């Protein structure tokens, strides 16, 4: 289900555009890129992690010099993940970014070539698996996708009543159901999307045709995502 395009630039988009501009200007200092990620994380306590992943040698052609450096793995690729798992802001390298399935949070947005909001998935952070969603935007240099930048958000945070503003920042529609499968809440974007289809403004009610669909399932996930990238469990904006 697709709504009107948003004019709001997300954090992921802002990071991707910033890094693209820096690369165009010939700024290749990896520490500077990392400092920007760290600063964004500190300024946004609602984020679990802020990160970037670059294609091999796409940043400065010096991957071999950075093997196993802080925020890097054995490939030397620039893959820093600044996160606050465990309550302390720290740096570690992203993992599994090149593994189909496990690395879809990176592979799909770069293949799609557009900003993407990933459906919830498990990701290892600070030695334990977290259930998160990611907002990811591709980084372009000279017309070619050279990497991606993104932010990670814990799903537990999105289930809190005060998470409406955070959900809106992801440009996602969602429906929250109670333990008996009844509609507990529709966020503003969901009401906007549905209103465009039913031809009238909705408050908290759900169109009857959709209620009948819900009633046909014995179990129903507590969150809906609208997918625009064919064949991928994502929302590409």
Protein backbone atom coordinates (compact mmCIF):
# COMPACT_ATOMS: atom_id res chain seq x y z
CA UNK A 1 0.00 0.00 0.00
CA UNK A 2 1.62 3.21 -1.15
CA UNK A 3 0.90 6.70 0.10
CA UNK A 4 2.01 10.12 -1.09
CA UNK A 5 5.78 10.71 -0.95
CA UNK A 6 7.11 12.36 2.16
CA UNK A 7 9.12 15.57 2.03
CA UNK A 8 10.80 14.73 5.32
CA UNK A 9 14.44 13.69 5.04
CA UNK A 10 15.13 10.78 7.37
CA UNK A 11 18.29 10.35 9.40
CA UNK A 12 19.41 7.57 7.05
CA UNK A 13 18.88 9.77 4.00
CA UNK A 14 20.68 12.67 5.64
CA UNK A 15 23.66 10.45 6.46
CA UNK A 16 23.78 8.97 2.97
CA UNK A 17 23.62 12.40 1.34
CA UNK A 18 26.28 13.75 3.70
CA UNK A 19 28.65 10.86 3.03
CA UNK A 20 28.04 11.08 -0.71
CA UNK A 21 28.89 14.79 -0.63
CA UNK A 22 32.00 14.16 1.45
CA UNK A 23 33.18 11.51 -1.01
CA UNK A 24 32.58 13.86 -3.93
CA UNK A 25 34.70 16.48 -2.16
CA UNK A 26 37.53 13.98 -1.72
CA UNK A 27 37.15 13.73 2.07
CA UNK A 28 38.51 10.26 2.85
CA UNK A 29 39.24 10.40 6.59
CA UNK A 30 37.47 7.34 8.02
CA UNK A 31 37.63 8.75 11.53
CA UNK A 32 35.63 11.79 10.40
CA UNK A 33 32.88 9.60 8.96
CA UNK A 34 32.85 7.57 12.17
CA UNK A 35 32.65 10.69 14.34
CA UNK A 36 29.53 11.76 12.47
CA UNK A 37 27.90 8.39 13.16
CA UNK A 38 28.80 8.59 16.83
CA UNK A 39 27.45 12.12 17.15
CA UNK A 40 24.13 11.19 15.55
CA UNK A 41 23.75 8.26 17.96
CA UNK A 42 24.47 10.42 20.99
CA UNK A 43 21.95 13.01 19.81
CA UNK A 44 19.22 10.40 19.27
CA UNK A 45 18.69 8.21 22.35
CA UNK A 46 15.81 6.48 20.54
CA UNK A 47 18.31 4.78 18.19
CA UNK A 48 20.04 1.55 19.11
CA UNK A 49 22.68 1.95 16.43
CA UNK A 50 23.90 4.22 13.63
CA UNK A 51 26.12 2.76 10.95
CA UNK A 52 27.52 2.68 7.45
CA UNK A 53 28.81 -0.10 5.19
CA UNK A 54 30.88 0.59 2.07
CA UNK A 55 31.68 -1.63 -0.86
CA UNK A 56 35.28 -2.97 -1.08
CA UNK A 57 37.76 -0.08 -1.46
CA UNK A 58 34.92 2.28 -2.40
CA UNK A 59 35.82 4.91 0.18
CA UNK A 60 39.56 5.39 -0.12
CA UNK A 61 41.06 2.33 -1.80
CA UNK A 62 42.90 1.44 1.42
CA UNK A 63 40.90 -1.43 2.88
CA UNK A 64 44.02 -3.58 3.27
CA UNK A 65 45.46 -1.04 5.73
CA UNK A 66 42.46 -1.24 8.07
CA UNK A 67 42.02 -4.99 8.57
CA UNK A 68 40.85 -5.54 12.17
CA UNK A 69 41.16 -1.86 13.06
CA UNK A 70 38.43 -0.55 15.44
CA UNK A 71 35.09 -0.67 13.61
CA UNK A 72 36.55 -2.91 10.87
CA UNK A 73 36.62 -6.65 10.28
CA UNK A 74 39.32 -8.73 8.62
CA UNK A 75 38.45 -7.39 5.15
CA UNK A 76 39.32 -3.83 6.11
CA UNK A 77 36.10 -2.60 4.54
CA UNK A 78 34.62 0.47 6.18
CA UNK A 79 31.75 -1.11 8.16
CA UNK A 80 31.45 0.78 11.50
CA UNK A 81 28.45 0.32 13.78
CA UNK A 82 28.12 2.77 16.64
CA UNK A 83 25.57 1.43 19.12
CA UNK A 84 24.37 1.68 22.72
CA UNK A 85 23.63 -1.99 23.40
CA UNK A 86 24.35 -2.69 27.06
CA UNK A 87 23.78 0.96 27.93
CA UNK A 88 27.18 2.25 26.76
CA UNK A 89 27.85 3.93 23.41
CA UNK A 90 30.60 1.97 21.68
CA UNK A 91 31.98 0.96 18.29
CA UNK A 92 32.06 -2.46 16.64
CA UNK A 93 32.11 -3.68 13.03
CA UNK A 94 28.93 -4.69 11.25
CA UNK A 95 28.68 -8.41 10.52
CA UNK A 96 27.04 -10.62 7.88
CA UNK A 97 26.54 -7.66 5.55
CA UNK A 98 27.54 -9.72 2.52
CA UNK A 99 25.51 -12.85 3.40
CA UNK A 100 22.19 -13.17 1.52
CA UNK A 101 19.37 -13.42 4.02
CA UNK A 102 21.35 -12.42 7.10
CA UNK A 103 22.69 -9.35 5.33
CA UNK A 104 19.48 -8.25 3.61
CA UNK A 105 19.47 -5.09 5.73
CA UNK A 106 22.42 -3.99 3.55
CA UNK A 107 22.06 -6.02 0.35
CA UNK A 108 18.43 -5.19 -0.41
CA UNK A 109 18.66 -1.38 -0.06
CA UNK A 110 21.80 -1.24 -2.21
CA UNK A 111 20.19 -3.46 -4.86
CA UNK A 112 16.92 -1.54 -4.68
CA UNK A 113 18.79 1.76 -4.88
CA UNK A 114 16.29 3.54 -2.64
CA UNK A 115 15.72 4.26 1.01
CA UNK A 116 14.38 1.17 2.75
CA UNK A 117 12.71 0.38 6.06
CA UNK A 118 13.37 -3.24 6.92
CA UNK A 119 10.81 -5.54 8.44
CA UNK A 120 11.83 -6.63 11.98
CA UNK A 121 14.78 -9.03 12.15
CA UNK A 122 17.33 -10.33 14.63
CA UNK A 123 20.83 -8.85 14.59
CA UNK A 124 23.81 -9.51 16.89
CA UNK A 125 24.80 -6.38 18.80
CA UNK A 126 27.36 -6.35 21.62
CA UNK A 127 27.33 -10.13 21.85
CA UNK A 128 23.59 -10.68 21.98
CA UNK A 129 20.78 -10.81 19.43
CA UNK A 130 18.46 -7.83 19.29
CA UNK A 131 15.07 -7.73 17.53
CA UNK A 132 15.29 -4.54 15.47
CA UNK A 133 14.11 -2.65 12.43
CA UNK A 134 16.47 -0.56 10.27
CA UNK A 135 16.05 2.55 8.18
CA UNK A 136 18.65 2.40 5.40
CA UNK A 137 19.61 4.69 2.53
CA UNK A 138 22.10 3.93 -0.26
CA UNK A 139 25.21 6.07 -0.77
CA UNK A 140 26.01 7.08 -4.34
CA UNK A 141 29.28 8.28 -5.84
CA UNK A 142 29.59 9.21 -9.48
CA UNK A 143 26.27 7.57 -10.24
CA UNK A 144 27.15 4.24 -8.63
CA UNK A 145 25.93 2.81 -5.32
CA UNK A 146 29.03 2.47 -3.15
CA UNK A 147 27.44 1.62 0.18
CA UNK A 148 24.67 2.47 2.61
CA UNK A 149 24.03 4.32 5.85
CA UNK A 150 21.37 3.42 8.38
CA UNK A 151 19.89 3.58 11.84
CA UNK A 152 18.71 0.64 13.95
CA UNK A 153 15.75 0.79 16.34
CA UNK A 154 14.76 -1.81 18.92
CA UNK A 155 11.30 -3.23 18.28
CA UNK A 156 10.51 -3.08 22.01
CA UNK A 157 10.78 0.70 21.78
CA UNK A 158 8.26 0.82 18.93
CA UNK A 159 5.72 -1.07 21.01
CA UNK A 160 5.70 1.63 23.67
CA UNK A 161 2.74 4.08 23.56
CA UNK A 162 5.06 7.07 23.26
CA UNK A 163 6.65 5.65 20.10
CA UNK A 164 4.19 7.32 17.70
CA UNK A 165 6.66 10.06 16.71
CA UNK A 166 9.40 7.49 16.16
CA UNK A 167 7.14 5.36 13.95
CA UNK A 168 6.18 8.43 11.94
CA UNK A 169 9.87 9.16 11.32
CA UNK A 170 10.10 5.76 9.60
CA UNK A 171 7.25 6.74 7.24
CA UNK A 172 5.50 3.43 7.96
CA UNK A 173 1.86 2.61 8.40
CA UNK A 174 1.07 0.24 11.26
CA UNK A 175 -1.82 -1.25 13.17
CA UNK A 176 -1.46 -2.32 16.80
CA UNK A 177 -3.70 -5.14 18.00
CA UNK A 178 -4.49 -6.18 21.55
CA UNK A 179 -4.04 -9.69 22.94
CA UNK A 180 -7.42 -10.77 21.51
CA UNK A 181 -6.61 -9.54 18.01
CA UNK A 182 -8.78 -6.45 18.23
CA UNK A 183 -7.57 -3.13 16.84
CA UNK A 184 -5.96 -1.09 19.59
CA UNK A 185 -4.42 1.74 17.55
CA UNK A 186 -3.91 3.01 13.99
CA UNK A 187 -1.09 5.48 13.48
CA UNK A 188 -1.62 8.67 11.48
CA UNK A 189 0.08 7.36 8.35
CA UNK A 190 -2.13 4.25 8.35
CA UNK A 191 -5.25 6.42 8.58
CA UNK A 192 -3.93 8.60 5.74
CA UNK A 193 -3.20 5.59 3.51
CA UNK A 194 -6.52 3.88 4.18
CA UNK A 195 -8.50 7.10 3.78
CA UNK A 196 -7.16 7.50 0.24
CA UNK A 197 -8.63 4.09 -0.60
CA UNK A 198 -11.99 4.27 1.18
CA UNK A 199 -12.65 7.88 0.19
CA UNK A 200 -13.27 9.28 3.65
CA UNK A 201 -11.30 10.34 6.70
CA UNK A 202 -10.71 7.64 9.31
CA UNK A 203 -10.24 8.23 13.02
CA UNK A 204 -9.55 4.90 14.72
CA UNK A 205 -11.85 2.59 12.79
CA UNK A 206 -10.74 0.07 10.19
CA UNK A 207 -12.65 -0.44 6.90
CA UNK A 208 -15.00 -3.44 7.11
CA UNK A 209 -13.36 -5.26 4.21
CA UNK A 210 -10.03 -5.28 6.07
CA UNK A 211 -11.69 -6.31 9.33
CA UNK A 212 -13.10 -9.34 7.55
CA UNK A 213 -9.61 -10.25 6.34
CA UNK A 214 -8.22 -10.01 9.86
CA UNK A 215 -11.04 -12.15 11.23
CA UNK A 216 -10.01 -14.91 8.83
CA UNK A 217 -6.66 -15.45 10.53
CA UNK A 218 -6.27 -17.45 13.74
CA UNK A 219 -3.17 -15.49 14.60
CA UNK A 220 -2.08 -12.11 13.35
CA UNK A 221 1.18 -10.21 13.72
CA UNK A 222 0.95 -7.03 15.78
CA UNK A 223 2.38 -4.84 13.04
CA UNK A 224 1.78 -4.32 9.30
CA UNK A 225 4.35 -3.06 6.79
CA UNK A 226 3.67 -1.90 3.26
CA UNK A 227 6.16 -3.26 0.73
CA UNK A 228 7.21 -1.38 -2.36
CA UNK A 229 10.36 -3.22 -3.39
CA UNK A 230 9.13 -6.25 -5.37
CA UNK A 231 9.98 -9.56 -3.77
CA UNK A 232 11.64 -8.01 -0.71
CA UNK A 233 10.32 -7.76 2.83
CA UNK A 234 10.98 -4.07 2.89
CA UNK A 235 9.45 -0.65 2.47
CA UNK A 236 11.51 1.15 -0.17
CA UNK A 237 10.79 4.84 -0.22
